[in-house]
Amino acid sequence: MIFVRDHKILCSIALLFVMLALLVSQGLTLTADELGVMAVRGGRQAEDLLTTIVANLTHLGDSITLAIIAVVTVLILVWKNQRLAAGWFLLAASGSFIITAISKWLFGRARPEVVEQFASATSGSFPSGHTLRSAVIYALLAFLVARTRPNSSNKIIYFLAAAVIIMNGISRVYLGVHWPTDVIGAWLIAGFWLLLCKNGYDRSCARRDAELL
């Protein structure tokens, strides 16, 4: 039953993304995006303390940072002889990088110009790579950590992961390098990819357990 439920959720996420992508491609979200950027940025300047804090926190979603986290996590899982989890983590993490590159090339959306950009960015704007990759990797990390902790602490773990993921997405809009719909699109892709990988991991675990009986 759980796989049927996941299938319905996957279809719903995919439909939402397709609808958003069509609206973005036709430029129908531009007005709302501009208002969103202005609302998040406000009248902040590059010298503001908040801007400095956000500019530093957004590095949690940098490619190098996430790649290091992914490699260290895989090595730890292999060291603990959790090779199945290591394989699926590597697949999900590397997949987020590949999906980001393909999506940016496919849509080729221009970066916002309604405000000064407080960070450097050269690739396509849709979807947000920082947001997509960080959502996948931090959610996966939370899932793995939660499995080793008492159930009472799981809510805290997932809350912290969600906070980092949300902060990372909003920071890209605040810094002026992404439209709000870039972030929303990235979250939809990340959710789809995470659920797909989790489904595959659960099936692999079930198959492994059946073979051990």
N, C-alpha and C. Protein backbone atom coordinates (compact mmCIF):
# COMPACT_ATOMS: atom_id res chain seq x y z
N MET A 1 0.81 -1.21 0.00
CA MET A 1 0.00 0.00 0.00
C MET A 1 0.85 1.26 0.00
N ILE A 2 1.99 1.20 0.68
CA ILE A 2 2.82 2.40 0.79
C ILE A 2 3.37 2.80 -0.57
N PHE A 3 3.67 1.78 -1.42
CA PHE A 3 4.20 2.10 -2.74
C PHE A 3 3.13 2.73 -3.62
N VAL A 4 1.88 2.32 -3.45
CA VAL A 4 0.77 2.92 -4.19
C VAL A 4 0.59 4.37 -3.77
N ARG A 5 0.66 4.62 -2.46
CA ARG A 5 0.53 5.97 -1.95
C ARG A 5 1.66 6.86 -2.47
N ASP A 6 2.90 6.33 -2.45
CA ASP A 6 4.04 7.09 -2.95
C ASP A 6 3.87 7.39 -4.44
N HIS A 7 3.31 6.45 -5.17
CA HIS A 7 3.10 6.65 -6.61
C HIS A 7 2.17 7.83 -6.85
N LYS A 8 1.12 7.94 -6.06
CA LYS A 8 0.17 9.04 -6.21
C LYS A 8 0.83 10.38 -5.86
N ILE A 9 1.66 10.36 -4.81
CA ILE A 9 2.35 11.59 -4.41
C ILE A 9 3.33 12.02 -5.49
N LEU A 10 4.05 11.05 -6.05
CA LEU A 10 5.01 11.34 -7.12
C LEU A 10 4.31 11.97 -8.32
N CYS A 11 3.17 11.43 -8.68
CA CYS A 11 2.41 11.97 -9.81
C CYS A 11 1.93 13.40 -9.52
N SER A 12 1.52 13.64 -8.29
CA SER A 12 1.05 14.97 -7.90
C SER A 12 2.18 15.99 -7.97
N ILE A 13 3.35 15.60 -7.45
CA ILE A 13 4.50 16.51 -7.48
C ILE A 13 4.91 16.79 -8.92
N ALA A 14 4.95 15.75 -9.74
CA ALA A 14 5.33 15.91 -11.15
C ALA A 14 4.36 16.85 -11.87
N LEU A 15 3.08 16.71 -11.59
CA LEU A 15 2.07 17.57 -12.23
C LEU A 15 2.26 19.02 -11.81
N LEU A 16 2.50 19.24 -10.53
CA LEU A 16 2.72 20.60 -10.04
C LEU A 16 3.94 21.23 -10.70
N PHE A 17 5.01 20.45 -10.84
CA PHE A 17 6.22 20.98 -11.45
C PHE A 17 6.00 21.31 -12.92
N VAL A 18 5.32 20.43 -13.63
CA VAL A 18 5.06 20.68 -15.05
C VAL A 18 4.24 21.96 -15.22
N MET A 19 3.24 22.14 -14.37
CA MET A 19 2.42 23.36 -14.44
C MET A 19 3.27 24.59 -14.15
N LEU A 20 4.12 24.52 -13.13
CA LEU A 20 4.98 25.66 -12.80
C LEU A 20 5.96 25.94 -13.93
N ALA A 21 6.57 24.88 -14.48
CA ALA A 21 7.54 25.05 -15.55
C ALA A 21 6.91 25.70 -16.78
N LEU A 22 5.67 25.33 -17.10
CA LEU A 22 4.98 25.93 -18.24
C LEU A 22 4.72 27.41 -17.99
N LEU A 23 4.29 27.75 -16.79
CA LEU A 23 4.04 29.15 -16.45
C LEU A 23 5.32 29.97 -16.52
N VAL A 24 6.41 29.41 -15.99
CA VAL A 24 7.69 30.10 -16.01
C VAL A 24 8.18 30.28 -17.45
N SER A 25 8.08 29.23 -18.25
CA SER A 25 8.55 29.28 -19.63
C SER A 25 7.80 30.32 -20.45
N GLN A 26 6.52 30.53 -20.13
CA GLN A 26 5.71 31.51 -20.85
C GLN A 26 5.83 32.92 -20.26
N GLY A 27 6.61 33.06 -19.19
CA GLY A 27 6.79 34.36 -18.57
C GLY A 27 5.59 34.83 -17.76
N LEU A 28 4.71 33.91 -17.42
CA LEU A 28 3.48 34.29 -16.72
C LEU A 28 3.68 34.50 -15.22
N THR A 29 4.86 34.14 -14.73
CA THR A 29 5.13 34.32 -13.29
C THR A 29 5.99 35.55 -13.02
N LEU A 30 6.34 36.28 -14.06
CA LEU A 30 7.32 37.36 -13.92
C LEU A 30 6.87 38.42 -12.92
N THR A 31 5.64 38.87 -13.02
CA THR A 31 5.15 39.91 -12.11
C THR A 31 5.20 39.44 -10.66
N ALA A 32 4.68 38.23 -10.42
CA ALA A 32 4.69 37.68 -9.06
C ALA A 32 6.13 37.46 -8.58
N ASP A 33 7.00 37.04 -9.48
CA ASP A 33 8.41 36.83 -9.11
C ASP A 33 9.07 38.14 -8.71
N GLU A 34 8.81 39.18 -9.48
CA GLU A 34 9.42 40.48 -9.16
C GLU A 34 8.93 40.99 -7.81
N LEU A 35 7.65 40.84 -7.55
CA LEU A 35 7.11 41.24 -6.25
C LEU A 35 7.72 40.40 -5.13
N GLY A 36 7.92 39.12 -5.40
CA GLY A 36 8.51 38.22 -4.40
C GLY A 36 9.94 38.61 -4.06
N VAL A 37 10.73 38.92 -5.08
CA VAL A 37 12.11 39.33 -4.85
C VAL A 37 12.16 40.62 -4.04
N MET A 38 11.33 41.58 -4.40
CA MET A 38 11.31 42.85 -3.69
C MET A 38 10.85 42.68 -2.25
N ALA A 39 9.89 41.78 -2.04
CA ALA A 39 9.38 41.55 -0.69
C ALA A 39 10.43 40.90 0.20
N VAL A 40 11.16 39.95 -0.34
CA VAL A 40 12.19 39.26 0.45
C VAL A 40 13.38 40.17 0.69
N ARG A 41 13.79 40.92 -0.34
CA ARG A 41 14.96 41.78 -0.21
C ARG A 41 14.65 43.02 0.62
N GLY A 42 13.48 43.59 0.41
CA GLY A 42 13.18 44.84 1.11
C GLY A 42 14.14 45.93 0.67
N GLY A 43 14.56 46.75 1.60
CA GLY A 43 15.49 47.82 1.28
C GLY A 43 16.90 47.54 1.74
N ARG A 44 17.22 46.26 1.89
CA ARG A 44 18.54 45.88 2.41
C ARG A 44 19.65 46.25 1.44
N GLN A 45 20.82 46.58 2.03
CA GLN A 45 22.00 46.92 1.25
C GLN A 45 23.07 45.85 1.43
N ALA A 46 24.07 45.88 0.56
CA ALA A 46 25.13 44.87 0.60
C ALA A 46 25.93 44.96 1.90
N GLU A 47 25.95 46.14 2.53
CA GLU A 47 26.74 46.33 3.74
C GLU A 47 25.98 45.94 5.01
N ASP A 48 24.70 45.62 4.90
CA ASP A 48 23.89 45.31 6.07
C ASP A 48 24.39 44.04 6.75
N LEU A 49 24.21 43.98 8.07
CA LEU A 49 24.61 42.80 8.84
C LEU A 49 23.83 41.57 8.38
N LEU A 50 22.54 41.73 8.13
CA LEU A 50 21.71 40.60 7.68
C LEU A 50 22.22 40.06 6.36
N THR A 51 22.62 40.94 5.47
CA THR A 51 23.15 40.51 4.17
C THR A 51 24.42 39.69 4.36
N THR A 52 25.27 40.13 5.26
CA THR A 52 26.51 39.39 5.54
C THR A 52 26.21 38.01 6.08
N ILE A 53 25.24 37.93 7.00
CA ILE A 53 24.87 36.64 7.59
C ILE A 53 24.30 35.71 6.53
N VAL A 54 23.37 36.24 5.72
CA VAL A 54 22.74 35.42 4.68
C VAL A 54 23.78 34.97 3.65
N ALA A 55 24.68 35.87 3.28
CA ALA A 55 25.71 35.53 2.29
C ALA A 55 26.61 34.41 2.78
N ASN A 56 26.83 34.33 4.08
CA ASN A 56 27.64 33.26 4.64
C ASN A 56 26.85 31.97 4.79
N LEU A 57 25.60 32.08 5.22
CA LEU A 57 24.77 30.89 5.40
C LEU A 57 24.47 30.19 4.08
N THR A 58 24.39 30.96 3.00
CA THR A 58 24.05 30.35 1.71
C THR A 58 25.13 29.40 1.22
N HIS A 59 26.34 29.50 1.80
CA HIS A 59 27.42 28.59 1.41
C HIS A 59 27.13 27.16 1.84
N LEU A 60 26.14 26.98 2.72
CA LEU A 60 25.74 25.61 3.09
C LEU A 60 25.19 24.86 1.88
N GLY A 61 24.81 25.60 0.85
CA GLY A 61 24.29 24.97 -0.36
C GLY A 61 25.26 24.98 -1.52
N ASP A 62 26.49 25.42 -1.29
CA ASP A 62 27.51 25.41 -2.35
C ASP A 62 27.80 23.99 -2.81
N SER A 63 28.15 23.86 -4.07
CA SER A 63 28.45 22.54 -4.63
C SER A 63 29.58 21.84 -3.88
N ILE A 64 30.65 22.59 -3.57
CA ILE A 64 31.80 21.98 -2.90
C ILE A 64 31.41 21.51 -1.50
N THR A 65 30.68 22.35 -0.78
CA THR A 65 30.24 21.99 0.57
C THR A 65 29.41 20.71 0.55
N LEU A 66 28.44 20.66 -0.35
CA LEU A 66 27.56 19.49 -0.42
C LEU A 66 28.29 18.25 -0.91
N ALA A 67 29.22 18.44 -1.82
CA ALA A 67 29.99 17.30 -2.32
C ALA A 67 30.84 16.70 -1.19
N ILE A 68 31.43 17.56 -0.37
CA ILE A 68 32.23 17.07 0.76
C ILE A 68 31.34 16.31 1.74
N ILE A 69 30.17 16.88 2.06
CA ILE A 69 29.24 16.21 2.97
C ILE A 69 28.82 14.86 2.42
N ALA A 70 28.54 14.80 1.12
CA ALA A 70 28.10 13.55 0.50
C ALA A 70 29.20 12.49 0.55
N VAL A 71 30.42 12.89 0.20
CA VAL A 71 31.54 11.93 0.19
C VAL A 71 31.83 11.41 1.59
N VAL A 72 31.86 12.31 2.57
CA VAL A 72 32.12 11.90 3.96
C VAL A 72 31.02 10.96 4.45
N THR A 73 29.77 11.28 4.13
CA THR A 73 28.64 10.43 4.55
C THR A 73 28.74 9.04 3.94
N VAL A 74 29.05 8.97 2.65
CA VAL A 74 29.19 7.67 1.99
C VAL A 74 30.32 6.86 2.60
N LEU A 75 31.44 7.52 2.88
CA LEU A 75 32.59 6.81 3.48
C LEU A 75 32.23 6.27 4.87
N ILE A 76 31.50 7.05 5.65
CA ILE A 76 31.09 6.61 6.98
C ILE A 76 30.15 5.41 6.88
N LEU A 77 29.22 5.46 5.93
CA LEU A 77 28.28 4.35 5.75
C LEU A 77 29.00 3.08 5.32
N VAL A 78 29.98 3.23 4.43
CA VAL A 78 30.77 2.06 3.99
C VAL A 78 31.57 1.51 5.16
N TRP A 79 32.16 2.41 5.95
CA TRP A 79 32.94 2.00 7.12
C TRP A 79 32.08 1.23 8.11
N LYS A 80 30.81 1.63 8.23
CA LYS A 80 29.88 0.95 9.13
C LYS A 80 29.22 -0.26 8.48
N ASN A 81 29.71 -0.60 7.30
CA ASN A 81 29.22 -1.76 6.55
C ASN A 81 27.75 -1.61 6.15
N GLN A 82 27.31 -0.38 5.94
CA GLN A 82 25.96 -0.12 5.46
C GLN A 82 26.04 0.23 3.97
N ARG A 83 26.46 -0.75 3.20
CA ARG A 83 26.75 -0.52 1.79
C ARG A 83 25.50 -0.19 0.97
N LEU A 84 24.38 -0.79 1.33
CA LEU A 84 23.14 -0.49 0.61
C LEU A 84 22.75 0.97 0.80
N ALA A 85 22.80 1.44 2.05
CA ALA A 85 22.49 2.85 2.33
C ALA A 85 23.49 3.77 1.65
N ALA A 86 24.76 3.37 1.64
CA ALA A 86 25.80 4.17 1.00
C ALA A 86 25.54 4.31 -0.49
N GLY A 87 25.15 3.20 -1.11
CA GLY A 87 24.88 3.22 -2.55
C GLY A 87 23.71 4.12 -2.91
N TRP A 88 22.64 4.03 -2.12
CA TRP A 88 21.47 4.85 -2.41
C TRP A 88 21.72 6.32 -2.10
N PHE A 89 22.50 6.60 -1.05
CA PHE A 89 22.83 7.99 -0.74
C PHE A 89 23.65 8.59 -1.87
N LEU A 90 24.63 7.82 -2.36
CA LEU A 90 25.47 8.30 -3.45
C LEU A 90 24.64 8.53 -4.71
N LEU A 91 23.71 7.62 -4.99
CA LEU A 91 22.85 7.77 -6.16
C LEU A 91 21.99 9.03 -6.05
N ALA A 92 21.37 9.22 -4.89
CA ALA A 92 20.49 10.37 -4.70
C ALA A 92 21.27 11.68 -4.75
N ALA A 93 22.42 11.72 -4.08
CA ALA A 93 23.22 12.94 -4.03
C ALA A 93 23.77 13.30 -5.41
N SER A 94 24.38 12.34 -6.09
CA SER A 94 24.94 12.61 -7.41
C SER A 94 23.84 12.94 -8.41
N GLY A 95 22.69 12.29 -8.23
CA GLY A 95 21.55 12.58 -9.11
C GLY A 95 21.08 14.01 -9.00
N SER A 96 21.15 14.58 -7.79
CA SER A 96 20.72 15.97 -7.60
C SER A 96 21.61 16.93 -8.39
N PHE A 97 22.89 16.61 -8.49
CA PHE A 97 23.82 17.45 -9.26
C PHE A 97 23.52 17.34 -10.75
N ILE A 98 23.27 16.11 -11.21
CA ILE A 98 23.00 15.88 -12.63
C ILE A 98 21.68 16.52 -13.04
N ILE A 99 20.65 16.33 -12.21
CA ILE A 99 19.33 16.91 -12.51
C ILE A 99 19.42 18.43 -12.56
N THR A 100 20.18 19.02 -11.65
CA THR A 100 20.35 20.47 -11.64
C THR A 100 20.95 20.97 -12.94
N ALA A 101 22.03 20.32 -13.37
CA ALA A 101 22.72 20.74 -14.59
C ALA A 101 21.82 20.62 -15.82
N ILE A 102 21.11 19.51 -15.92
CA ILE A 102 20.23 19.29 -17.08
C ILE A 102 19.08 20.29 -17.08
N SER A 103 18.48 20.51 -15.91
CA SER A 103 17.33 21.42 -15.82
C SER A 103 17.72 22.85 -16.18
N LYS A 104 18.86 23.30 -15.67
CA LYS A 104 19.31 24.65 -15.97
C LYS A 104 19.57 24.83 -17.46
N TRP A 105 20.18 23.81 -18.07
CA TRP A 105 20.46 23.87 -19.50
C TRP A 105 19.16 23.85 -20.30
N LEU A 106 18.20 23.06 -19.86
CA LEU A 106 16.93 22.91 -20.57
C LEU A 106 16.11 24.19 -20.56
N PHE A 107 16.02 24.84 -19.41
CA PHE A 107 15.17 26.02 -19.30
C PHE A 107 15.92 27.32 -19.65
N GLY A 108 17.17 27.42 -19.28
CA GLY A 108 17.97 28.58 -19.66
C GLY A 108 17.38 29.91 -19.23
N ARG A 109 16.79 29.96 -18.07
CA ARG A 109 16.15 31.19 -17.60
C ARG A 109 17.18 32.21 -17.12
N ALA A 110 16.93 33.47 -17.41
CA ALA A 110 17.84 34.54 -16.99
C ALA A 110 17.70 34.82 -15.50
N ARG A 111 18.78 35.26 -14.91
CA ARG A 111 18.77 35.63 -13.49
C ARG A 111 18.01 36.95 -13.28
N PRO A 112 17.53 37.18 -12.06
CA PRO A 112 16.82 38.44 -11.78
C PRO A 112 17.73 39.66 -11.98
N GLU A 113 17.11 40.74 -12.44
CA GLU A 113 17.84 42.00 -12.59
C GLU A 113 17.10 43.15 -11.93
N VAL A 114 16.06 42.81 -11.16
CA VAL A 114 15.25 43.86 -10.52
C VAL A 114 15.93 44.43 -9.28
N VAL A 115 16.92 43.70 -8.76
CA VAL A 115 17.69 44.18 -7.62
C VAL A 115 19.16 43.86 -7.86
N GLU A 116 20.02 44.50 -7.09
CA GLU A 116 21.45 44.21 -7.18
C GLU A 116 21.71 42.80 -6.66
N GLN A 117 22.55 42.07 -7.37
CA GLN A 117 22.89 40.72 -6.94
C GLN A 117 24.01 40.78 -5.91
N PHE A 118 23.76 40.20 -4.74
CA PHE A 118 24.75 40.20 -3.68
C PHE A 118 25.63 38.95 -3.70
N ALA A 119 25.50 38.13 -4.73
CA ALA A 119 26.31 36.93 -4.88
C ALA A 119 26.55 36.72 -6.37
N SER A 120 27.60 35.98 -6.70
CA SER A 120 27.90 35.72 -8.11
C SER A 120 27.22 34.44 -8.56
N ALA A 121 26.63 34.47 -9.73
CA ALA A 121 25.96 33.30 -10.30
C ALA A 121 25.93 33.46 -11.81
N THR A 122 26.29 32.41 -12.53
CA THR A 122 26.41 32.52 -13.98
C THR A 122 25.53 31.54 -14.75
N SER A 123 25.13 30.44 -14.13
CA SER A 123 24.34 29.44 -14.84
C SER A 123 22.88 29.88 -14.93
N GLY A 124 22.03 29.06 -15.53
CA GLY A 124 20.62 29.37 -15.65
C GLY A 124 19.96 29.51 -14.29
N SER A 125 18.86 30.23 -14.25
CA SER A 125 18.23 30.54 -12.97
C SER A 125 17.25 29.47 -12.50
N PHE A 126 16.58 28.78 -13.44
CA PHE A 126 15.53 27.82 -13.09
C PHE A 126 15.99 26.40 -13.36
N PRO A 127 15.95 25.54 -12.35
CA PRO A 127 15.62 25.78 -10.93
C PRO A 127 16.88 26.21 -10.16
N SER A 128 16.70 26.56 -8.90
CA SER A 128 17.84 26.95 -8.07
C SER A 128 18.66 25.72 -7.70
N GLY A 129 19.91 25.69 -8.15
CA GLY A 129 20.77 24.55 -7.87
C GLY A 129 21.11 24.43 -6.39
N HIS A 130 21.40 25.57 -5.76
CA HIS A 130 21.68 25.56 -4.32
C HIS A 130 20.51 24.92 -3.56
N THR A 131 19.31 25.34 -3.93
CA THR A 131 18.12 24.86 -3.23
C THR A 131 17.87 23.38 -3.48
N LEU A 132 17.96 22.97 -4.73
CA LEU A 132 17.69 21.58 -5.09
C LEU A 132 18.68 20.62 -4.43
N ARG A 133 19.96 20.91 -4.61
CA ARG A 133 20.98 20.00 -4.08
C ARG A 133 20.97 19.96 -2.55
N SER A 134 20.81 21.12 -1.92
CA SER A 134 20.82 21.14 -0.46
C SER A 134 19.59 20.44 0.10
N ALA A 135 18.44 20.58 -0.56
CA ALA A 135 17.22 19.91 -0.10
C ALA A 135 17.41 18.40 -0.12
N VAL A 136 17.98 17.89 -1.19
CA VAL A 136 18.18 16.44 -1.32
C VAL A 136 19.18 15.93 -0.28
N ILE A 137 20.32 16.55 -0.20
CA ILE A 137 21.39 16.04 0.65
C ILE A 137 21.10 16.22 2.13
N TYR A 138 20.57 17.37 2.54
CA TYR A 138 20.27 17.57 3.96
C TYR A 138 19.08 16.73 4.41
N ALA A 139 18.11 16.52 3.53
CA ALA A 139 16.98 15.65 3.88
C ALA A 139 17.46 14.20 4.02
N LEU A 140 18.31 13.77 3.11
CA LEU A 140 18.87 12.42 3.20
C LEU A 140 19.68 12.24 4.47
N LEU A 141 20.47 13.25 4.78
CA LEU A 141 21.30 13.20 5.98
C LEU A 141 20.43 13.12 7.23
N ALA A 142 19.37 13.89 7.26
CA ALA A 142 18.45 13.85 8.40
C ALA A 142 17.82 12.47 8.54
N PHE A 143 17.45 11.87 7.41
CA PHE A 143 16.84 10.54 7.41
C PHE A 143 17.81 9.50 7.98
N LEU A 144 19.07 9.58 7.58
CA LEU A 144 20.07 8.62 8.06
C LEU A 144 20.36 8.80 9.55
N VAL A 145 20.48 10.06 9.96
CA VAL A 145 20.76 10.34 11.37
C VAL A 145 19.57 9.91 12.24
N ALA A 146 18.36 10.19 11.77
CA ALA A 146 17.16 9.85 12.54
C ALA A 146 17.04 8.35 12.77
N ARG A 147 17.54 7.57 11.83
CA ARG A 147 17.46 6.12 11.98
C ARG A 147 18.30 5.61 13.14
N THR A 148 19.31 6.38 13.53
CA THR A 148 20.22 5.93 14.59
C THR A 148 19.89 6.56 15.93
N ARG A 149 18.86 7.40 15.97
CA ARG A 149 18.52 8.11 17.20
C ARG A 149 17.16 7.65 17.73
N PRO A 150 16.89 7.90 19.01
CA PRO A 150 15.55 7.58 19.55
C PRO A 150 14.46 8.35 18.82
N ASN A 151 13.28 7.78 18.74
CA ASN A 151 12.18 8.42 18.03
C ASN A 151 11.85 9.80 18.59
N SER A 152 12.11 10.00 19.87
CA SER A 152 11.78 11.28 20.50
C SER A 152 12.59 12.44 19.94
N SER A 153 13.75 12.15 19.39
CA SER A 153 14.61 13.21 18.86
C SER A 153 14.46 13.40 17.35
N ASN A 154 13.67 12.55 16.70
CA ASN A 154 13.52 12.64 15.25
C ASN A 154 12.92 13.97 14.80
N LYS A 155 11.94 14.47 15.56
CA LYS A 155 11.31 15.72 15.18
C LYS A 155 12.31 16.87 15.16
N ILE A 156 13.22 16.86 16.12
CA ILE A 156 14.24 17.91 16.18
C ILE A 156 15.17 17.81 14.98
N ILE A 157 15.56 16.59 14.63
CA ILE A 157 16.47 16.37 13.50
C ILE A 157 15.84 16.85 12.20
N TYR A 158 14.59 16.46 11.98
CA TYR A 158 13.91 16.85 10.75
C TYR A 158 13.62 18.36 10.74
N PHE A 159 13.36 18.93 11.91
CA PHE A 159 13.12 20.37 11.99
C PHE A 159 14.37 21.14 11.60
N LEU A 160 15.52 20.71 12.09
CA LEU A 160 16.78 21.38 11.77
C LEU A 160 17.09 21.28 10.28
N ALA A 161 16.86 20.08 9.72
CA ALA A 161 17.10 19.89 8.29
C ALA A 161 16.18 20.77 7.47
N ALA A 162 14.90 20.83 7.86
CA ALA A 162 13.93 21.67 7.15
C ALA A 162 14.31 23.15 7.25
N ALA A 163 14.80 23.55 8.41
CA ALA A 163 15.20 24.95 8.61
C ALA A 163 16.35 25.32 7.67
N VAL A 164 17.33 24.43 7.56
CA VAL A 164 18.47 24.69 6.67
C VAL A 164 18.01 24.75 5.22
N ILE A 165 17.14 23.82 4.84
CA ILE A 165 16.65 23.76 3.47
C ILE A 165 15.85 25.01 3.11
N ILE A 166 14.94 25.41 4.00
CA ILE A 166 14.13 26.60 3.74
C ILE A 166 14.99 27.86 3.73
N MET A 167 15.89 27.97 4.71
CA MET A 167 16.78 29.14 4.78
C MET A 167 17.61 29.25 3.51
N ASN A 168 18.10 28.11 3.03
CA ASN A 168 18.95 28.13 1.85
C ASN A 168 18.18 28.63 0.63
N GLY A 169 16.94 28.18 0.51
CA GLY A 169 16.13 28.63 -0.62
C GLY A 169 15.82 30.11 -0.56
N ILE A 170 15.40 30.58 0.59
CA ILE A 170 15.06 32.00 0.76
C ILE A 170 16.29 32.88 0.57
N SER A 171 17.44 32.39 1.00
CA SER A 171 18.67 33.18 0.88
C SER A 171 19.01 33.48 -0.58
N ARG A 172 18.67 32.56 -1.48
CA ARG A 172 18.99 32.77 -2.89
C ARG A 172 18.13 33.90 -3.48
N VAL A 173 16.90 34.01 -2.99
CA VAL A 173 16.03 35.11 -3.42
C VAL A 173 16.51 36.42 -2.80
N TYR A 174 16.85 36.37 -1.52
CA TYR A 174 17.33 37.56 -0.82
C TYR A 174 18.59 38.12 -1.49
N LEU A 175 19.49 37.25 -1.90
CA LEU A 175 20.74 37.69 -2.52
C LEU A 175 20.54 38.17 -3.95
N GLY A 176 19.33 38.01 -4.47
CA GLY A 176 19.02 38.53 -5.80
C GLY A 176 19.46 37.67 -6.96
N VAL A 177 19.81 36.41 -6.70
CA VAL A 177 20.31 35.56 -7.79
C VAL A 177 19.26 34.55 -8.26
N HIS A 178 18.10 34.55 -7.61
CA HIS A 178 17.03 33.64 -8.03
C HIS A 178 15.66 34.26 -7.84
N TRP A 179 14.74 33.83 -8.70
CA TRP A 179 13.34 34.19 -8.55
C TRP A 179 12.70 33.23 -7.55
N PRO A 180 11.63 33.63 -6.89
CA PRO A 180 10.93 32.72 -5.97
C PRO A 180 10.51 31.41 -6.64
N THR A 181 10.06 31.48 -7.91
CA THR A 181 9.64 30.26 -8.60
C THR A 181 10.82 29.33 -8.91
N ASP A 182 12.04 29.88 -8.96
CA ASP A 182 13.22 29.02 -9.10
C ASP A 182 13.36 28.12 -7.89
N VAL A 183 13.11 28.70 -6.72
CA VAL A 183 13.23 27.98 -5.46
C VAL A 183 12.10 26.96 -5.31
N ILE A 184 10.87 27.38 -5.64
CA ILE A 184 9.73 26.47 -5.54
C ILE A 184 9.92 25.29 -6.49
N GLY A 185 10.38 25.58 -7.70
CA GLY A 185 10.63 24.51 -8.66
C GLY A 185 11.68 23.54 -8.16
N ALA A 186 12.72 24.07 -7.54
CA ALA A 186 13.79 23.23 -7.00
C ALA A 186 13.27 22.33 -5.89
N TRP A 187 12.41 22.88 -5.04
CA TRP A 187 11.84 22.07 -3.95
C TRP A 187 10.96 20.96 -4.50
N LEU A 188 10.22 21.23 -5.56
CA LEU A 188 9.37 20.21 -6.16
C LEU A 188 10.22 19.08 -6.77
N ILE A 189 11.27 19.45 -7.48
CA ILE A 189 12.15 18.44 -8.07
C ILE A 189 12.81 17.62 -6.97
N ALA A 190 13.29 18.31 -5.93
CA ALA A 190 13.95 17.62 -4.82
C ALA A 190 13.00 16.65 -4.14
N GLY A 191 11.76 17.09 -3.91
CA GLY A 191 10.78 16.21 -3.28
C GLY A 191 10.50 14.98 -4.11
N PHE A 192 10.37 15.17 -5.42
CA PHE A 192 10.12 14.05 -6.34
C PHE A 192 11.30 13.07 -6.31
N TRP A 193 12.51 13.61 -6.43
CA TRP A 193 13.70 12.77 -6.48
C TRP A 193 13.94 12.05 -5.15
N LEU A 194 13.72 12.74 -4.05
CA LEU A 194 13.88 12.13 -2.73
C LEU A 194 12.91 10.97 -2.53
N LEU A 195 11.66 11.19 -2.87
CA LEU A 195 10.65 10.15 -2.69
C LEU A 195 10.92 8.97 -3.61
N LEU A 196 11.36 9.26 -4.82
CA LEU A 196 11.69 8.20 -5.76
C LEU A 196 12.84 7.35 -5.24
N CYS A 197 13.88 8.02 -4.72
CA CYS A 197 15.03 7.30 -4.19
C CYS A 197 14.66 6.53 -2.92
N LYS A 198 13.85 7.12 -2.07
CA LYS A 198 13.43 6.44 -0.85
C LYS A 198 12.62 5.19 -1.19
N ASN A 199 11.76 5.31 -2.19
CA ASN A 199 10.97 4.16 -2.63
C ASN A 199 11.88 3.04 -3.09
N GLY A 200 12.88 3.41 -3.88
CA GLY A 200 13.82 2.40 -4.36
C GLY A 200 14.64 1.79 -3.24
N TYR A 201 15.03 2.62 -2.29
CA TYR A 201 15.80 2.13 -1.14
C TYR A 201 14.97 1.17 -0.29
N ASP A 202 13.71 1.53 -0.05
CA ASP A 202 12.83 0.66 0.74
C ASP A 202 12.63 -0.69 0.04
N ARG A 203 12.47 -0.65 -1.27
CA ARG A 203 12.30 -1.89 -2.03
C ARG A 203 13.57 -2.75 -1.95
N SER A 204 14.73 -2.10 -2.03
CA SER A 204 15.99 -2.83 -1.95
C SER A 204 16.17 -3.46 -0.58
N CYS A 205 15.80 -2.73 0.47
CA CYS A 205 15.90 -3.27 1.83
C CYS A 205 14.95 -4.45 2.02
N ALA A 206 13.74 -4.33 1.47
CA ALA A 206 12.78 -5.42 1.58
C ALA A 206 13.28 -6.65 0.84
N ARG A 207 13.86 -6.46 -0.33
CA ARG A 207 14.40 -7.57 -1.10
C ARG A 207 15.57 -8.23 -0.37
N ARG A 208 16.43 -7.39 0.23
CA ARG A 208 17.58 -7.93 0.98
C ARG A 208 17.12 -8.73 2.17
N ASP A 209 16.15 -8.20 2.91
CA ASP A 209 15.66 -8.89 4.11
C ASP A 209 15.00 -10.21 3.73
N ALA A 210 14.30 -10.23 2.58
CA ALA A 210 13.65 -11.47 2.15
C ALA A 210 14.68 -12.54 1.79
N GLU A 211 15.80 -12.11 1.23
CA GLU A 211 16.85 -13.05 0.86
C GLU A 211 17.55 -13.64 2.09
N LEU A 212 17.54 -12.86 3.19
CA LEU A 212 18.20 -13.33 4.41
C LEU A 212 17.36 -14.31 5.22
N LEU A 213 16.06 -14.37 4.91
CA LEU A 213 15.18 -15.28 5.65
C LEU A 213 15.41 -16.73 5.25
